[in-house]
Amino acid sequence: GLGDVYKRQMYEWLSDALQGPSTVVTANRRLARVLHAEFARHQVERGLAAWTSPNIFSWQDWLARIVQEASDQVALPTRLSAHQSELLWECCLQKELGETRASIASLVRLSREAWQRLADWQVPIREVARTALSADHRFFAAAAGRYLGILEHESWVDDAGLAQLALDLLSSGRSATSGCVTFVGFDRTRPSVTAIRRALSDAGCDVRDTPKPNGAAPIGLQCFESTEAELRAAGAWARARLAEAPGQSIAIIAADLERQAAPVAHLVREGLVPGWQYAQPSVEQALNTSYGRRMSDYPAVSIALLLLTWLVRDLSSTEVGHLLRSPLLGSASLGGRSRLELRLRLLPDRRWTPAMVSSAFRGRDAGAGAAEWLRMVAHLTKARRDLKRRASPSEWAVYIDATLSVCEWPGREPLSSFDFQLVNRWRDLLNDLARLALVSPSMNLRTAIRRLELIAAQTVFQPESEHSKVQL
């Protein structure tokens, strides 16, 4: 079909870029996955059953690879994960704020974004401090200076510092890259990228950019009454294109997708497949959104965090009701638990400890499912009573995993492919929590759960799925 012809034209440069010792560096991980898939498709068309994996990396992964392959690894700084960096930024900002107890999660995010921008443009923090024009500028410069001082003292490097470290290694010859290096999708010229490209050229590499595609397609401009109407029209446009050539792949680019992926996808899907809510699940999958949901927004993760929170604070009647109704804790048979929740609703609204719930429902015969749930509550009562005052993040990660296992999370039903991927990603979050020991050697369980909640809220998860005709 026309779509296959255009796709071959779009990626015809890929085979040449990967001849001999060569590397393809993409602006983001999604593009790297697309190029891997396109390379594999080309090998299958050639009749091959196996082939060497191509050197296709996203920018950040390629920088990490340069560092990993450098000589004298012992002398290199320890790399901080994003979550370790967030915790360190929080500590530095809190030092500058003093005694205030205001939530600074958004301030941490903005500070890390500004820090990354400074690194991309190779602006030293002393220059920020020298040119500060307001109290906010001076506050950021002070916190960033404190943050940089800790990195240098502990010999740590964060994601923002990875490009400078890779540049130093390439310039000194401690990390060697040979052959052709092709850069794909870099629509903005950042000094950090330019400096590394220059270092590669000085080392004898053939540095290239991908050829620009032929702009033969017609370009039109349309106006709409609202953003909602525009998004629905984009879906209808994609439907018309697929009717003309069913084999093609279509991309719809939407601004600010990371902040409102769900409502944007909903509107585009309305135009693409009107009435999709009442169709088969495969119809909904005709549109794939390139930005997933935050981990904390998934019901399984939300229930797990709520259950863990009960170990360190009392829950409202509404929150206890959520736990009673959830099929993600033990058996999916909810008859007995529904009767318990009905009794809970007849009681005055209050804050509940696990012990209070056990006492309120003791001796009430509501069935086997209710008895199982009350045994779980009894376990939480004992766990709250025996809590350690402080432990390392890795010890809390093991404790949290064991608690969820005792409570039979995420339920007894067989896991679908999606659920299996989600649970595995949750275990990665626990590993991220454990790694915080590098920055914070010990903490109480309340702090550990709060850190886990922040990690879940900042982690975007999108399960692997079959290829969709329309990519948003």
Protein backbone atom coordinates (compact mmCIF):
# COMPACT_ATOMS: atom_id res chain seq x y z
CA GLY A 1 0.00 0.00 0.00
CA LEU A 2 0.90 3.66 -0.15
CA GLY A 3 1.73 3.63 3.55
CA ASP A 4 4.33 0.87 3.12
CA VAL A 5 5.92 2.70 0.18
CA TYR A 6 6.18 5.93 2.17
CA LYS A 7 7.57 4.11 5.19
CA ARG A 8 10.32 2.53 3.07
CA GLN A 9 11.18 5.95 1.66
CA MET A 10 11.23 7.48 5.12
CA TYR A 11 13.70 4.93 6.50
CA GLU A 12 15.71 4.07 3.39
CA TRP A 13 18.73 5.81 4.93
CA LEU A 14 18.78 3.39 7.88
CA SER A 15 20.54 0.50 6.13
CA ASP A 16 23.35 2.76 4.92
CA ALA A 17 23.69 4.36 8.38
CA LEU A 18 24.25 0.94 9.95
CA GLN A 19 26.88 -0.37 7.53
CA GLY A 20 30.15 -1.41 9.20
CA PRO A 21 31.09 0.02 12.61
CA SER A 22 28.28 2.47 13.10
CA THR A 23 25.88 3.93 15.65
CA VAL A 24 22.52 5.68 15.33
CA VAL A 25 21.70 8.15 18.13
CA THR A 26 18.07 9.29 18.47
CA ALA A 27 16.59 12.26 20.30
CA ASN A 28 14.33 10.04 22.44
CA ARG A 29 13.66 6.42 23.34
CA ARG A 30 10.45 6.15 21.33
CA LEU A 31 12.28 6.94 18.09
CA ALA A 32 14.95 4.38 19.00
CA ARG A 33 12.23 1.71 19.40
CA VAL A 34 10.70 2.65 16.04
CA LEU A 35 14.07 2.38 14.26
CA HIS A 36 14.79 -0.99 15.91
CA ALA A 37 11.41 -2.26 14.66
CA GLU A 38 12.03 -0.88 11.16
CA PHE A 39 15.48 -2.49 11.01
CA ALA A 40 13.99 -5.83 12.09
CA ARG A 41 11.25 -5.55 9.44
CA HIS A 42 13.88 -4.96 6.77
CA GLN A 43 15.86 -8.04 7.87
CA VAL A 44 12.74 -10.21 7.69
CA GLU A 45 12.02 -8.91 4.18
CA ARG A 46 15.53 -10.01 3.21
CA GLY A 47 14.65 -13.53 4.39
CA LEU A 48 16.90 -13.54 7.47
CA ALA A 49 15.91 -15.50 10.58
CA ALA A 50 18.53 -13.91 12.89
CA TRP A 51 20.78 -10.87 12.82
CA THR A 52 23.11 -8.82 15.00
CA SER A 53 21.30 -6.21 17.04
CA PRO A 54 21.98 -2.76 15.57
CA ASN A 55 23.64 0.00 17.57
CA ILE A 56 20.58 2.25 17.88
CA PHE A 57 20.41 4.22 21.13
CA SER A 58 18.53 7.17 22.51
CA TRP A 59 20.69 10.17 23.44
CA GLN A 60 20.63 9.51 27.19
CA ASP A 61 21.24 5.77 26.78
CA TRP A 62 24.11 6.43 24.36
CA LEU A 63 25.76 8.80 26.84
CA ALA A 64 25.47 6.12 29.54
CA ARG A 65 27.04 3.59 27.18
CA ILE A 66 30.01 5.90 26.52
CA VAL A 67 30.57 6.14 30.27
CA GLN A 68 30.14 2.39 30.81
CA GLU A 69 32.73 1.56 28.12
CA ALA A 70 35.33 4.05 29.38
CA SER A 71 38.64 2.88 30.78
CA ASP A 72 39.51 3.12 34.49
CA GLN A 73 35.94 2.72 35.75
CA VAL A 74 37.05 3.00 39.39
CA ALA A 75 37.98 6.65 38.86
CA LEU A 76 34.58 7.57 37.39
CA PRO A 77 31.86 9.18 39.51
CA THR A 78 28.86 7.13 40.69
CA ARG A 79 25.76 7.78 38.63
CA LEU A 80 22.64 8.97 40.46
CA SER A 81 19.24 7.80 39.31
CA ALA A 82 16.49 10.35 38.70
CA HIS A 83 14.84 9.50 42.03
CA GLN A 84 18.11 9.78 43.94
CA SER A 85 18.65 13.16 42.32
CA GLU A 86 15.12 14.26 43.32
CA LEU A 87 15.73 13.34 46.95
CA LEU A 88 19.04 15.22 46.96
CA TRP A 89 17.39 18.29 45.39
CA GLU A 90 14.66 18.14 48.02
CA CYS A 91 17.25 18.14 50.80
CA CYS A 92 19.12 21.10 49.27
CA LEU A 93 15.96 23.12 48.70
CA GLN A 94 14.75 22.38 52.21
CA LYS A 95 18.05 23.67 53.60
CA GLU A 96 17.56 26.95 51.76
CA LEU A 97 13.90 27.23 52.78
CA GLY A 98 14.66 26.75 56.47
CA GLU A 99 11.89 25.70 58.83
CA THR A 100 8.98 25.86 56.38
CA ARG A 101 7.08 22.59 55.98
CA ALA A 102 5.41 23.46 52.69
CA SER A 103 5.32 20.75 50.02
CA ILE A 104 8.16 21.33 47.59
CA ALA A 105 7.49 18.54 45.07
CA SER A 106 6.75 21.00 42.25
CA LEU A 107 9.77 23.11 43.24
CA VAL A 108 11.98 20.01 42.98
CA ARG A 109 10.62 19.26 39.50
CA LEU A 110 11.16 22.84 38.30
CA SER A 111 14.66 22.94 39.78
CA ARG A 112 15.67 19.71 38.06
CA GLU A 113 14.29 20.99 34.74
CA ALA A 114 16.25 24.25 35.11
CA TRP A 115 19.37 22.30 36.10
CA GLN A 116 19.05 20.12 32.98
CA ARG A 117 18.56 23.21 30.81
CA LEU A 118 21.69 24.81 32.23
CA ALA A 119 23.65 21.62 31.53
CA ASP A 120 22.33 21.42 27.96
CA TRP A 121 23.47 24.98 27.30
CA GLN A 122 26.70 24.58 29.31
CA VAL A 123 25.93 27.49 31.66
CA PRO A 124 27.90 27.24 34.95
CA ILE A 125 25.96 27.85 38.16
CA ARG A 126 28.34 30.63 39.20
CA GLU A 127 27.16 32.54 36.11
CA VAL A 128 23.56 32.11 37.28
CA ALA A 129 24.51 33.44 40.71
CA ARG A 130 26.44 36.38 39.20
CA THR A 131 23.55 37.48 36.97
CA ALA A 132 20.69 36.82 39.43
CA LEU A 133 18.06 39.56 39.19
CA SER A 134 15.54 38.47 41.83
CA ALA A 135 15.18 36.64 45.12
CA ASP A 136 13.96 33.56 43.22
CA HIS A 137 17.10 33.59 41.05
CA ARG A 138 19.33 33.86 44.10
CA PHE A 139 17.39 31.13 45.90
CA PHE A 140 17.80 28.72 42.98
CA ALA A 141 21.48 29.60 42.58
CA ALA A 142 22.10 28.90 46.27
CA ALA A 143 20.27 25.57 46.23
CA ALA A 144 21.96 24.54 42.96
CA GLY A 145 25.36 25.50 44.35
CA ARG A 146 24.70 23.36 47.42
CA TYR A 147 23.54 20.50 45.16
CA LEU A 148 26.64 20.76 42.94
CA GLY A 149 28.89 20.85 46.00
CA ILE A 150 27.46 17.55 47.24
CA LEU A 151 27.87 15.95 43.80
CA GLU A 152 31.52 16.99 43.65
CA HIS A 153 32.27 16.03 47.26
CA GLU A 154 30.70 12.56 46.94
CA SER A 155 31.92 12.02 43.36
CA TRP A 156 28.41 11.60 41.96
CA VAL A 157 27.01 12.47 38.55
CA ASP A 158 23.34 12.92 37.71
CA ASP A 159 21.54 12.72 34.35
CA ALA A 160 22.20 16.39 33.65
CA GLY A 161 25.95 15.91 34.12
CA LEU A 162 26.17 12.83 31.92
CA ALA A 163 26.78 14.78 28.69
CA GLN A 164 29.74 16.71 30.16
CA LEU A 165 31.23 13.49 31.57
CA ALA A 166 30.86 11.75 28.20
CA LEU A 167 32.47 14.77 26.48
CA ASP A 168 35.45 14.67 28.84
CA LEU A 169 35.89 10.92 28.23
CA LEU A 170 35.72 11.29 24.45
CA SER A 171 38.07 14.28 24.40
CA SER A 172 40.67 12.50 26.55
CA GLY A 173 40.47 9.26 24.57
CA ARG A 174 39.29 7.23 27.57
CA SER A 175 36.14 6.20 25.70
CA ALA A 176 36.51 5.37 22.02
CA THR A 177 33.84 5.51 19.32
CA SER A 178 34.67 4.65 15.73
CA GLY A 179 33.00 4.49 12.36
CA CYS A 180 29.86 6.41 11.48
CA VAL A 181 27.61 8.11 14.05
CA THR A 182 24.23 9.28 12.71
CA PHE A 183 22.06 11.69 14.73
CA VAL A 184 18.30 11.41 14.23
CA GLY A 185 15.48 13.68 15.39
CA PHE A 186 17.50 16.49 16.99
CA ASP A 187 15.38 19.48 16.03
CA ARG A 188 17.16 21.86 18.44
CA THR A 189 20.88 22.61 18.42
CA ARG A 190 22.06 22.40 22.02
CA PRO A 191 25.66 23.29 22.87
CA SER A 192 26.10 19.99 24.76
CA VAL A 193 25.18 18.02 21.61
CA THR A 194 27.29 20.26 19.39
CA ALA A 195 30.35 19.81 21.62
CA ILE A 196 30.06 16.02 21.59
CA ARG A 197 29.62 15.96 17.81
CA ARG A 198 32.79 18.06 17.50
CA ALA A 199 34.67 15.68 19.81
CA LEU A 200 33.54 12.70 17.68
CA SER A 201 34.77 14.43 14.50
CA ASP A 202 38.10 15.22 16.14
CA ALA A 203 38.42 11.53 17.04
CA GLY A 204 38.00 10.55 13.38
CA CYS A 205 34.33 9.56 13.38
CA ASP A 206 32.06 10.22 10.42
CA VAL A 207 29.31 12.33 12.01
CA ARG A 208 26.09 12.58 10.01
CA ASP A 209 22.49 13.74 10.19
CA THR A 210 19.64 11.92 8.54
CA PRO A 211 18.55 13.30 5.18
CA LYS A 212 15.46 15.43 5.33
CA PRO A 213 12.39 13.75 3.80
CA ASN A 214 10.94 15.07 0.58
CA GLY A 215 8.22 17.58 1.39
CA ALA A 216 5.93 16.39 -1.40
CA ALA A 217 2.84 15.98 0.75
CA PRO A 218 0.30 18.83 0.56
CA ILE A 219 0.08 21.06 3.63
CA GLY A 220 -3.21 22.61 4.68
CA LEU A 221 -4.36 24.92 7.45
CA GLN A 222 -7.76 24.60 9.09
CA CYS A 223 -9.41 26.52 11.92
CA PHE A 224 -11.77 25.15 14.56
CA GLU A 225 -14.04 26.62 17.20
CA SER A 226 -12.16 24.93 20.05
CA THR A 227 -9.33 22.58 20.88
CA GLU A 228 -11.89 19.82 21.49
CA ALA A 229 -13.31 20.25 17.98
CA GLU A 230 -9.80 20.24 16.52
CA LEU A 231 -8.88 16.95 18.23
CA ARG A 232 -12.11 15.26 17.11
CA ALA A 233 -11.46 16.49 13.58
CA ALA A 234 -7.94 15.04 13.70
CA GLY A 235 -9.44 11.65 14.52
CA ALA A 236 -11.97 11.96 11.69
CA TRP A 237 -9.16 12.95 9.30
CA ALA A 238 -7.22 9.81 10.28
CA ARG A 239 -10.33 7.69 9.68
CA ALA A 240 -10.67 9.13 6.16
CA ARG A 241 -7.00 8.49 5.38
CA LEU A 242 -7.30 4.86 6.53
CA ALA A 243 -10.38 4.41 4.34
CA GLU A 244 -8.29 5.51 1.34
CA ALA A 245 -5.28 3.31 2.15
CA PRO A 246 -5.86 0.81 5.01
CA GLY A 247 -2.23 -0.29 5.17
CA GLN A 248 -0.70 3.04 6.08
CA SER A 249 0.42 4.28 9.50
CA ILE A 250 -0.73 7.71 10.65
CA ALA A 251 0.71 10.06 13.26
CA ILE A 252 -1.22 12.82 15.04
CA ILE A 253 0.94 15.25 17.00
CA ALA A 254 -0.68 16.87 20.04
CA ALA A 255 0.87 19.52 22.27
CA ASP A 256 1.25 19.07 26.03
CA LEU A 257 0.49 15.35 25.82
CA GLU A 258 2.47 14.56 28.98
CA ARG A 259 0.01 16.58 31.09
CA GLN A 260 -3.30 15.57 29.53
CA ALA A 261 -2.80 12.34 27.60
CA ALA A 262 -6.11 10.73 28.64
CA PRO A 263 -8.53 13.56 27.66
CA VAL A 264 -6.66 14.24 24.40
CA ALA A 265 -6.76 10.55 23.43
CA HIS A 266 -10.45 10.41 24.35
CA LEU A 267 -11.30 13.26 21.97
CA VAL A 268 -9.19 11.94 19.08
CA ARG A 269 -10.73 8.50 19.53
CA GLU A 270 -14.22 10.02 19.33
CA GLY A 271 -13.39 11.33 15.86
CA LEU A 272 -11.56 8.17 14.79
CA VAL A 273 -14.14 5.63 15.98
CA PRO A 274 -17.42 7.29 17.05
CA GLY A 275 -19.02 5.22 19.79
CA TRP A 276 -15.77 3.40 20.59
CA GLN A 277 -16.86 3.08 24.24
CA TYR A 278 -19.42 0.46 23.20
CA ALA A 279 -17.22 -1.44 20.75
CA GLN A 280 -14.81 -4.34 21.19
CA PRO A 281 -11.54 -3.59 23.06
CA SER A 282 -9.63 -4.02 19.79
CA VAL A 283 -11.42 -0.93 18.44
CA GLU A 284 -10.06 1.18 21.30
CA GLN A 285 -6.57 -0.10 20.47
CA ALA A 286 -6.78 1.38 16.96
CA LEU A 287 -5.25 4.50 18.56
CA ASN A 288 -2.00 4.23 20.49
CA THR A 289 -0.97 7.10 22.75
CA SER A 290 2.79 7.53 22.96
CA TYR A 291 2.55 8.81 26.53
CA GLY A 292 1.30 6.45 29.23
CA ARG A 293 -0.28 7.12 32.61
CA ARG A 294 1.48 7.82 35.86
CA MET A 295 1.91 4.67 37.92
CA SER A 296 -0.08 6.12 40.81
CA ASP A 297 -3.11 6.47 38.50
CA TYR A 298 -3.40 2.73 37.90
CA PRO A 299 -5.94 1.11 40.27
CA ALA A 300 -3.59 -1.72 41.32
CA VAL A 301 -0.85 0.73 42.35
CA SER A 302 -3.33 3.12 43.98
CA ILE A 303 -4.74 0.30 46.14
CA ALA A 304 -1.25 -0.91 47.07
CA LEU A 305 -0.23 2.60 48.20
CA LEU A 306 -3.46 3.08 50.15
CA LEU A 307 -2.97 -0.24 51.94
CA LEU A 308 0.63 0.65 52.83
CA THR A 309 -0.48 4.07 54.07
CA TRP A 310 -2.67 2.31 56.65
CA LEU A 311 0.55 1.18 58.33
CA VAL A 312 1.50 4.77 59.18
CA ARG A 313 -1.77 6.73 59.42
CA ASP A 314 -5.45 6.16 60.05
CA LEU A 315 -7.82 5.94 57.08
CA SER A 316 -11.16 7.63 56.56
CA SER A 317 -14.34 5.58 56.20
CA THR A 318 -14.25 6.25 52.45
CA GLU A 319 -10.67 4.94 52.16
CA VAL A 320 -11.48 1.81 54.18
CA GLY A 321 -14.43 1.32 51.81
CA HIS A 322 -12.07 1.41 48.84
CA LEU A 323 -10.03 -1.41 50.37
CA LEU A 324 -13.18 -3.41 51.12
CA ARG A 325 -14.44 -3.14 47.54
CA SER A 326 -11.13 -3.89 45.82
CA PRO A 327 -10.72 -7.31 44.12
CA LEU A 328 -6.96 -6.64 44.14
CA LEU A 329 -6.58 -7.85 47.73
CA GLY A 330 -7.13 -11.59 48.05
CA SER A 331 -10.20 -13.19 46.53
CA ALA A 332 -12.20 -11.47 43.80
CA SER A 333 -15.39 -12.70 45.46
CA LEU A 334 -16.69 -9.53 47.14
CA GLY A 335 -20.06 -10.63 48.55
CA GLY A 336 -18.96 -10.86 52.18
CA ARG A 337 -16.87 -7.71 52.00
CA SER A 338 -19.76 -5.78 50.43
CA ARG A 339 -21.88 -6.65 53.48
CA LEU A 340 -19.06 -5.38 55.71
CA GLU A 341 -18.94 -2.14 53.76
CA LEU A 342 -22.71 -1.72 54.13
CA ARG A 343 -22.28 -1.96 57.90
CA LEU A 344 -19.36 0.47 57.72
CA ARG A 345 -21.60 3.03 55.99
CA LEU A 346 -24.11 2.81 58.84
CA LEU A 347 -21.44 3.86 61.35
CA PRO A 348 -20.43 7.51 61.96
CA ASP A 349 -17.70 8.77 59.62
CA ARG A 350 -14.35 8.74 61.44
CA ARG A 351 -10.66 7.90 61.13
CA TRP A 352 -10.02 4.16 61.46
CA THR A 353 -7.00 2.22 62.66
CA PRO A 354 -6.81 -1.45 61.61
CA ALA A 355 -7.46 -2.41 65.25
CA MET A 356 -10.65 -0.30 65.34
CA VAL A 357 -11.95 -1.99 62.18
CA SER A 358 -11.27 -5.43 63.65
CA SER A 359 -13.07 -4.47 66.85
CA ALA A 360 -16.08 -2.99 65.01
CA PHE A 361 -16.68 -6.11 62.91
CA ARG A 362 -15.60 -8.81 65.38
CA GLY A 363 -18.17 -11.59 65.61
CA ARG A 364 -20.13 -10.41 62.56
CA ASP A 365 -20.74 -13.38 60.25
CA ALA A 366 -20.43 -11.92 56.75
CA GLY A 367 -18.97 -14.93 54.90
CA ALA A 368 -15.58 -16.39 54.01
CA GLY A 369 -14.47 -13.39 51.93
CA ALA A 370 -15.07 -11.03 54.86
CA ALA A 371 -13.20 -13.35 57.23
CA GLU A 372 -10.17 -13.34 54.89
CA TRP A 373 -10.22 -9.56 54.71
CA LEU A 374 -10.41 -9.22 58.50
CA ARG A 375 -7.43 -11.56 58.86
CA MET A 376 -5.52 -9.17 56.59
CA VAL A 377 -6.57 -6.26 58.84
CA ALA A 378 -5.37 -8.21 61.89
CA HIS A 379 -1.98 -8.64 60.22
CA LEU A 380 -1.78 -4.86 59.65
CA THR A 381 -2.68 -4.26 63.31
CA LYS A 382 0.25 -6.40 64.44
CA ALA A 383 2.55 -4.83 61.84
CA ARG A 384 1.73 -1.30 63.06
CA ARG A 385 2.47 -2.33 66.63
CA ASP A 386 5.84 -3.90 65.76
CA LEU A 387 7.16 -1.27 63.34
CA LYS A 388 10.84 -0.34 63.48
CA ARG A 389 11.60 3.29 64.16
CA ARG A 390 14.10 3.55 61.29
CA ALA A 391 15.62 1.30 58.65
CA SER A 392 17.43 1.60 55.34
CA PRO A 393 15.39 2.18 52.18
CA SER A 394 16.34 -1.29 50.94
CA GLU A 395 15.02 -2.88 54.14
CA TRP A 396 11.75 -0.97 53.78
CA ALA A 397 11.47 -2.09 50.15
CA VAL A 398 11.71 -5.74 51.27
CA TYR A 399 9.23 -5.07 54.10
CA ILE A 400 6.72 -3.44 51.72
CA ASP A 401 6.96 -6.31 49.25
CA ALA A 402 6.40 -8.86 52.04
CA THR A 403 3.40 -6.93 53.40
CA LEU A 404 1.73 -6.82 49.99
CA SER A 405 2.36 -10.55 49.53
CA VAL A 406 0.68 -11.35 52.86
CA CYS A 407 -2.29 -9.22 51.79
CA GLU A 408 -2.40 -11.16 48.49
CA TRP A 409 -1.90 -8.13 46.27
CA PRO A 410 -2.71 -7.88 43.34
CA GLY A 411 -5.36 -10.55 43.89
CA ARG A 412 -5.68 -14.24 43.08
CA GLU A 413 -6.90 -13.95 39.50
CA PRO A 414 -4.42 -14.93 36.73
CA LEU A 415 -2.52 -11.88 35.51
CA SER A 416 -3.11 -10.59 32.00
CA SER A 417 -0.14 -9.41 29.92
CA PHE A 418 -0.92 -5.83 30.96
CA ASP A 419 -1.16 -6.72 34.67
CA PHE A 420 2.06 -8.73 34.50
CA GLN A 421 3.92 -5.75 33.00
CA LEU A 422 2.42 -3.43 35.61
CA VAL A 423 3.47 -5.64 38.54
CA ASN A 424 6.99 -5.93 37.13
CA ARG A 425 7.16 -2.15 36.80
CA TRP A 426 5.98 -1.84 40.43
CA ARG A 427 8.88 -4.04 41.51
CA ASP A 428 11.19 -1.67 39.64
CA LEU A 429 9.76 1.15 41.78
CA LEU A 430 10.68 -0.82 44.91
CA ASN A 431 14.20 -1.19 43.53
CA ASP A 432 14.27 2.58 42.97
CA LEU A 433 13.24 3.05 46.60
CA ALA A 434 16.00 0.70 47.76
CA ARG A 435 18.62 2.68 45.80
CA LEU A 436 17.81 5.83 47.76
CA ALA A 437 20.13 4.46 50.44
CA LEU A 438 22.99 6.10 48.54
CA VAL A 439 21.55 9.55 49.37
CA SER A 440 19.57 8.78 52.55
CA PRO A 441 20.99 5.81 54.53
CA SER A 442 18.01 5.49 56.90
CA MET A 443 14.42 6.72 57.25
CA ASN A 444 11.17 5.79 58.97
CA LEU A 445 8.39 3.89 57.20
CA ARG A 446 6.24 7.01 56.79
CA THR A 447 9.05 8.69 54.84
CA ALA A 448 9.70 5.53 52.81
CA ILE A 449 6.04 5.30 51.78
CA ARG A 450 5.98 9.00 50.92
CA ARG A 451 9.05 8.54 48.73
CA LEU A 452 7.39 5.54 47.05
CA GLU A 453 4.25 7.62 46.42
CA LEU A 454 6.36 10.36 44.81
CA ILE A 455 8.23 7.83 42.66
CA ALA A 456 4.92 6.30 41.53
CA ALA A 457 3.46 9.74 40.76
CA GLN A 458 6.51 10.69 38.67
CA THR A 459 6.88 7.38 36.80
CA VAL A 460 5.00 7.10 33.52
CA PHE A 461 4.11 3.55 32.46
CA GLN A 462 2.85 2.39 29.10
CA PRO A 463 2.51 -1.36 28.54
CA GLU A 464 3.81 -2.90 25.35
CA SER A 465 1.02 -3.47 22.85
CA GLU A 466 0.40 -4.47 19.28
CA HIS A 467 1.10 -1.90 16.58
CA SER A 468 -1.80 0.52 16.11
CA LYS A 469 -2.79 2.18 12.85
CA VAL A 470 -2.86 5.64 14.39
CA GLN A 471 -0.17 6.93 16.74
CA LEU A 472 -0.92 9.92 18.94
